[in-house]
């Protein structure tokens, strides 16, 4: 039987994910907060729904969106830069209550390697997170919220920084004066994000945690200097840091030990 997958958050990653899953034979329902995006999603074959998550209520068609979904992909970041006082956990608690009132049995929660904070050295899925930012703390609390819910099978993917053909941080960093040049990069291409999500759904890898980071970890100064040169733009200006530099390297061990690899290079 053809599975129906709901993608909560059809932005840069979610829309591309929906398009690929349609090619793989799935029926896709997608949410957006913008009425202007409804036509665009529909033209891509995604059944669109307006859903706005709040701390006290969910506006839009949350019931219609969750109806008859087999797998729900939660792809909604905290966005605390726009709303520093926002309570992401409250939004997730309200969302979970709504999910439990429907037939959805499996949830794939898109998280971030920010939950690991400033932990040193090689980080695997067995590493106990120690978030230090507000966003990281709320993401980790939300992960635990879903993992502890016995009525739903939840898998967590902690992605590193996302890049793609039309999106790369080097453009934003160009000519900026920075002091973190000795830190290691932990990035992943959007194609590999989609590959991981699809593989987890197809193989039924539920109630697990996966790191999603490409296995290439040069320093930021080396990597962004090289990427800027390839694009013909000024590189970031890295100055020596007066404070301790973290050498964090996140590895995707759980995906790898299941005989899966990441295939899209993060080098241009």
Protein backbone atom coordinates (compact mmCIF):
# COMPACT_ATOMS: atom_id res chain seq x y z
CA UNK A 1 0.00 0.00 0.00
CA UNK A 2 1.27 3.46 -0.91
CA UNK A 3 2.34 5.37 2.19
CA UNK A 4 1.29 8.95 2.83
CA UNK A 5 4.01 11.14 4.31
CA UNK A 6 3.35 14.50 5.89
CA UNK A 7 6.10 17.11 5.81
CA UNK A 8 5.56 19.76 8.46
CA UNK A 9 7.59 22.67 7.14
CA UNK A 10 7.94 22.83 3.35
CA UNK A 11 10.80 25.28 3.13
CA UNK A 12 14.14 24.88 1.38
CA UNK A 13 14.66 21.29 2.57
CA UNK A 14 11.05 20.19 3.01
CA UNK A 15 9.89 21.09 -0.50
CA UNK A 16 12.82 19.34 -2.17
CA UNK A 17 12.21 16.32 0.08
CA UNK A 18 8.56 16.20 -0.96
CA UNK A 19 9.44 16.33 -4.66
CA UNK A 20 11.90 13.44 -4.29
CA UNK A 21 9.53 11.28 -2.23
CA UNK A 22 6.82 11.75 -4.87
CA UNK A 23 9.28 10.37 -7.44
CA UNK A 24 9.75 7.39 -5.10
CA UNK A 25 6.01 6.67 -5.17
CA UNK A 26 4.85 8.26 -1.93
CA UNK A 27 1.81 10.48 -1.48
CA UNK A 28 2.92 13.76 0.09
CA UNK A 29 1.08 16.27 2.25
CA UNK A 30 2.97 19.42 3.10
CA UNK A 31 2.52 22.39 5.40
CA UNK A 32 3.42 26.03 4.94
CA UNK A 33 2.78 29.16 6.96
CA UNK A 34 2.39 31.23 3.79
CA UNK A 35 -0.80 31.23 1.65
CA UNK A 36 1.35 32.45 -1.26
CA UNK A 37 3.20 29.10 -1.32
CA UNK A 38 0.06 26.97 -1.66
CA UNK A 39 -0.04 27.05 -5.46
CA UNK A 40 3.68 26.39 -5.74
CA UNK A 41 3.46 23.28 -3.57
CA UNK A 42 0.40 22.01 -5.43
CA UNK A 43 2.18 22.38 -8.77
CA UNK A 44 4.95 20.18 -7.39
CA UNK A 45 2.43 17.45 -6.55
CA UNK A 46 2.34 18.19 -2.82
CA UNK A 47 -1.06 18.38 -1.12
CA UNK A 48 -0.67 21.78 0.65
CA UNK A 49 -2.05 22.86 4.02
CA UNK A 50 -1.67 26.06 6.02
CA UNK A 51 -0.34 25.27 9.51
CA UNK A 52 0.99 27.85 11.98
CA UNK A 53 2.39 26.45 15.21
CA UNK A 54 1.85 28.61 18.28
CA UNK A 55 2.57 28.24 21.99
CA UNK A 56 -1.13 28.30 22.91
CA UNK A 57 -2.84 27.15 19.71
CA UNK A 58 -2.22 25.85 16.20
CA UNK A 59 -3.79 27.93 13.46
CA UNK A 60 -4.80 26.58 10.07
CA UNK A 61 -5.77 23.11 8.97
CA UNK A 62 -3.79 20.93 11.37
CA UNK A 63 -6.53 18.27 11.46
CA UNK A 64 -6.72 18.02 7.69
CA UNK A 65 -2.94 17.91 7.46
CA UNK A 66 -2.53 15.09 10.00
CA UNK A 67 -5.46 13.03 8.70
CA UNK A 68 -4.40 9.63 7.32
CA UNK A 69 -0.65 10.26 7.50
CA UNK A 70 1.55 7.19 7.96
CA UNK A 71 4.81 9.07 8.63
CA UNK A 72 5.21 12.66 9.82
CA UNK A 73 8.45 14.53 9.12
CA UNK A 74 8.78 17.45 11.54
CA UNK A 75 11.00 19.97 9.79
CA UNK A 76 10.36 23.11 11.84
CA UNK A 77 13.41 24.81 13.40
CA UNK A 78 13.10 26.92 16.57
CA UNK A 79 13.85 30.22 14.71
CA UNK A 80 14.77 31.88 17.99
CA UNK A 81 16.79 34.58 16.21
CA UNK A 82 13.51 36.05 15.00
CA UNK A 83 11.79 35.46 18.35
CA UNK A 84 14.41 35.13 21.14
CA UNK A 85 11.73 34.69 23.80
CA UNK A 86 9.86 32.03 21.82
CA UNK A 87 9.01 28.75 23.53
CA UNK A 88 9.65 26.07 20.90
CA UNK A 89 9.04 23.26 23.40
CA UNK A 90 5.51 24.56 24.07
CA UNK A 91 4.82 24.45 20.33
CA UNK A 92 6.08 20.87 20.13
CA UNK A 93 3.99 19.83 23.14
CA UNK A 94 0.89 21.19 21.46
CA UNK A 95 1.83 19.51 18.18
CA UNK A 96 2.37 16.18 19.94
CA UNK A 97 -1.08 16.41 21.53
CA UNK A 98 -2.58 16.83 18.07
CA UNK A 99 -0.56 13.96 16.62
CA UNK A 100 -1.81 11.61 19.35
CA UNK A 101 -5.38 12.37 18.27
CA UNK A 102 -4.68 10.98 14.79
CA UNK A 103 -3.46 7.69 13.33
CA UNK A 104 0.14 8.74 12.69
CA UNK A 105 2.38 6.01 14.08
CA UNK A 106 5.85 7.21 13.05
CA UNK A 107 7.59 10.57 13.43
CA UNK A 108 10.89 11.70 11.97
CA UNK A 109 12.10 14.73 13.93
CA UNK A 110 14.66 16.92 12.17
CA UNK A 111 17.06 18.27 14.79
CA UNK A 112 20.54 19.76 14.76
CA UNK A 113 24.08 18.98 15.91
CA UNK A 114 23.74 22.14 18.03
CA UNK A 115 22.38 19.84 20.77
CA UNK A 116 25.98 18.68 21.33
CA UNK A 117 27.09 22.17 22.34
CA UNK A 118 30.86 22.56 22.77
CA UNK A 119 31.66 18.89 23.38
CA UNK A 120 35.22 18.09 22.30
CA UNK A 121 36.54 15.48 19.87
CA UNK A 122 34.63 12.84 17.92
CA UNK A 123 30.89 12.86 18.52
CA UNK A 124 28.67 9.87 17.74
CA UNK A 125 25.01 9.19 18.39
CA UNK A 126 26.05 7.64 21.71
CA UNK A 127 27.52 10.94 22.90
CA UNK A 128 25.30 12.53 25.55
CA UNK A 129 24.23 15.99 24.29
CA UNK A 130 25.14 19.06 26.28
CA UNK A 131 23.52 22.03 24.52
CA UNK A 132 24.65 25.53 25.50
CA UNK A 133 22.50 27.76 23.30
CA UNK A 134 18.81 28.43 23.90
CA UNK A 135 18.00 26.92 20.51
CA UNK A 136 20.06 23.79 21.21
CA UNK A 137 18.49 23.35 24.65
CA UNK A 138 14.95 23.63 23.28
CA UNK A 139 15.70 21.25 20.41
CA UNK A 140 17.08 18.64 22.81
CA UNK A 141 14.08 18.99 25.13
CA UNK A 142 11.78 18.55 22.13
CA UNK A 143 13.66 15.45 21.01
CA UNK A 144 13.14 13.91 24.46
CA UNK A 145 9.47 14.87 24.41
CA UNK A 146 8.85 12.75 21.31
CA UNK A 147 11.22 9.91 22.20
CA UNK A 148 9.46 9.40 25.54
CA UNK A 149 6.00 9.16 23.94
CA UNK A 150 5.25 5.42 23.85
CA UNK A 151 2.32 5.69 21.45
CA UNK A 152 4.54 6.98 18.62
CA UNK A 153 7.75 5.61 17.10
CA UNK A 154 10.13 8.56 16.78
CA UNK A 155 13.51 8.78 15.09
CA UNK A 156 15.76 11.83 15.42
CA UNK A 157 18.15 13.14 12.74
CA UNK A 158 20.70 15.68 13.93
CA UNK A 159 21.89 17.46 10.80
CA UNK A 160 25.00 19.60 10.62
CA UNK A 161 25.01 22.83 8.65
CA UNK A 162 23.00 22.47 5.43
CA UNK A 163 24.41 23.42 2.04
CA UNK A 164 23.15 22.98 -1.54
CA UNK A 165 23.67 24.08 -5.11
CA UNK A 166 21.88 27.36 -4.40
CA UNK A 167 22.88 27.77 -0.77
CA UNK A 168 26.34 28.03 0.76
CA UNK A 169 27.51 29.89 3.90
CA UNK A 170 30.67 31.15 2.18
CA UNK A 171 28.67 33.93 0.50
CA UNK A 172 27.46 35.17 3.89
CA UNK A 173 30.92 34.83 5.44
CA UNK A 174 32.84 36.53 2.62
CA UNK A 175 35.05 39.39 3.92
CA UNK A 176 33.80 39.01 7.49
CA UNK A 177 36.35 39.19 10.28
CA UNK A 178 36.15 35.99 12.33
CA UNK A 179 38.13 34.21 15.04
CA UNK A 180 36.87 30.62 14.67
CA UNK A 181 39.07 29.60 11.75
CA UNK A 182 40.58 26.65 13.64
CA UNK A 183 37.19 25.06 14.32
CA UNK A 184 36.26 22.04 12.20
CA UNK A 185 33.38 22.10 9.73
CA UNK A 186 30.36 19.82 10.21
CA UNK A 187 28.25 20.19 7.08
CA UNK A 188 25.91 18.12 4.91
CA UNK A 189 24.48 18.60 1.42
CA UNK A 190 20.71 18.79 1.00
CA UNK A 191 20.82 15.77 -1.35
CA UNK A 192 22.28 13.66 1.46
CA UNK A 193 19.69 14.98 3.92
CA UNK A 194 16.98 13.73 1.59
CA UNK A 195 18.86 10.47 1.06
CA UNK A 196 19.01 9.88 4.83
CA UNK A 197 15.33 10.68 5.39
CA UNK A 198 14.21 8.45 2.53
CA UNK A 199 16.46 5.58 3.66
CA UNK A 200 15.17 5.74 7.25
CA UNK A 201 11.54 5.68 6.08
CA UNK A 202 12.08 2.89 3.56
CA UNK A 203 13.92 0.67 6.05
CA UNK A 204 11.74 1.47 9.07
CA UNK A 205 14.60 2.67 11.25
CA UNK A 206 12.38 3.88 14.11
CA UNK A 207 13.17 4.75 17.73
CA UNK A 208 16.74 5.65 16.84
CA UNK A 209 19.04 8.68 16.62
CA UNK A 210 21.14 9.53 13.56
CA UNK A 211 23.81 12.16 13.03
CA UNK A 212 23.76 13.68 9.55
CA UNK A 213 27.20 15.14 8.76
CA UNK A 214 29.41 14.53 5.71
CA UNK A 215 32.71 12.79 6.64
CA UNK A 216 35.03 15.68 5.73
CA UNK A 217 36.23 17.97 8.51
CA UNK A 218 38.90 20.52 7.53
CA UNK A 219 39.22 23.71 9.54
CA UNK A 220 36.81 26.53 8.72
CA UNK A 221 39.69 28.73 7.55
CA UNK A 222 40.90 26.06 5.14
CA UNK A 223 37.45 25.10 3.85
CA UNK A 224 35.87 28.52 3.43
CA UNK A 225 39.09 29.97 2.03
CA UNK A 226 39.08 27.25 -0.63
CA UNK A 227 35.36 27.61 -1.39
CA UNK A 228 35.67 31.39 -1.72
CA UNK A 229 38.60 31.03 -4.13
CA UNK A 230 36.63 28.59 -6.31
CA UNK A 231 33.79 31.10 -6.52
CA UNK A 232 35.99 34.10 -7.17
CA UNK A 233 34.84 35.97 -4.06
CA UNK A 234 36.87 37.40 -1.15
CA UNK A 235 37.38 34.83 1.64
CA UNK A 236 36.49 35.40 5.28
CA UNK A 237 39.22 37.11 7.30
CA UNK A 238 40.23 34.78 10.10
CA UNK A 239 42.21 36.24 12.97
CA UNK A 240 43.87 34.35 15.78
CA UNK A 241 41.48 33.61 18.59
CA UNK A 242 42.40 34.66 22.11
CA UNK A 243 40.10 32.01 23.57
CA UNK A 244 40.10 28.21 23.42
CA UNK A 245 39.02 26.73 20.07
CA UNK A 246 36.69 23.71 20.12
CA UNK A 247 37.67 20.78 17.89
CA UNK A 248 34.26 19.14 17.48
CA UNK A 249 33.87 16.46 14.81
CA UNK A 250 30.39 14.94 14.40
CA UNK A 251 30.30 11.54 12.67
CA UNK A 252 27.33 9.69 11.14
CA UNK A 253 28.11 6.29 12.71
CA UNK A 254 24.57 4.87 13.05
CA UNK A 255 23.80 5.36 9.34
CA UNK A 256 27.21 3.95 8.37
CA UNK A 257 27.00 0.78 10.47
CA UNK A 258 23.71 0.00 8.71
CA UNK A 259 25.72 -0.09 5.45
CA UNK A 260 24.61 3.30 4.16
CA UNK A 261 26.89 6.12 3.03
CA UNK A 262 26.65 9.83 2.22
CA UNK A 263 27.50 10.46 -1.40
CA UNK A 264 27.27 14.19 -2.14
CA UNK A 265 30.53 16.05 -1.53
CA UNK A 266 30.44 19.35 0.33
CA UNK A 267 33.43 20.59 -1.72
CA UNK A 268 32.71 22.46 -4.93
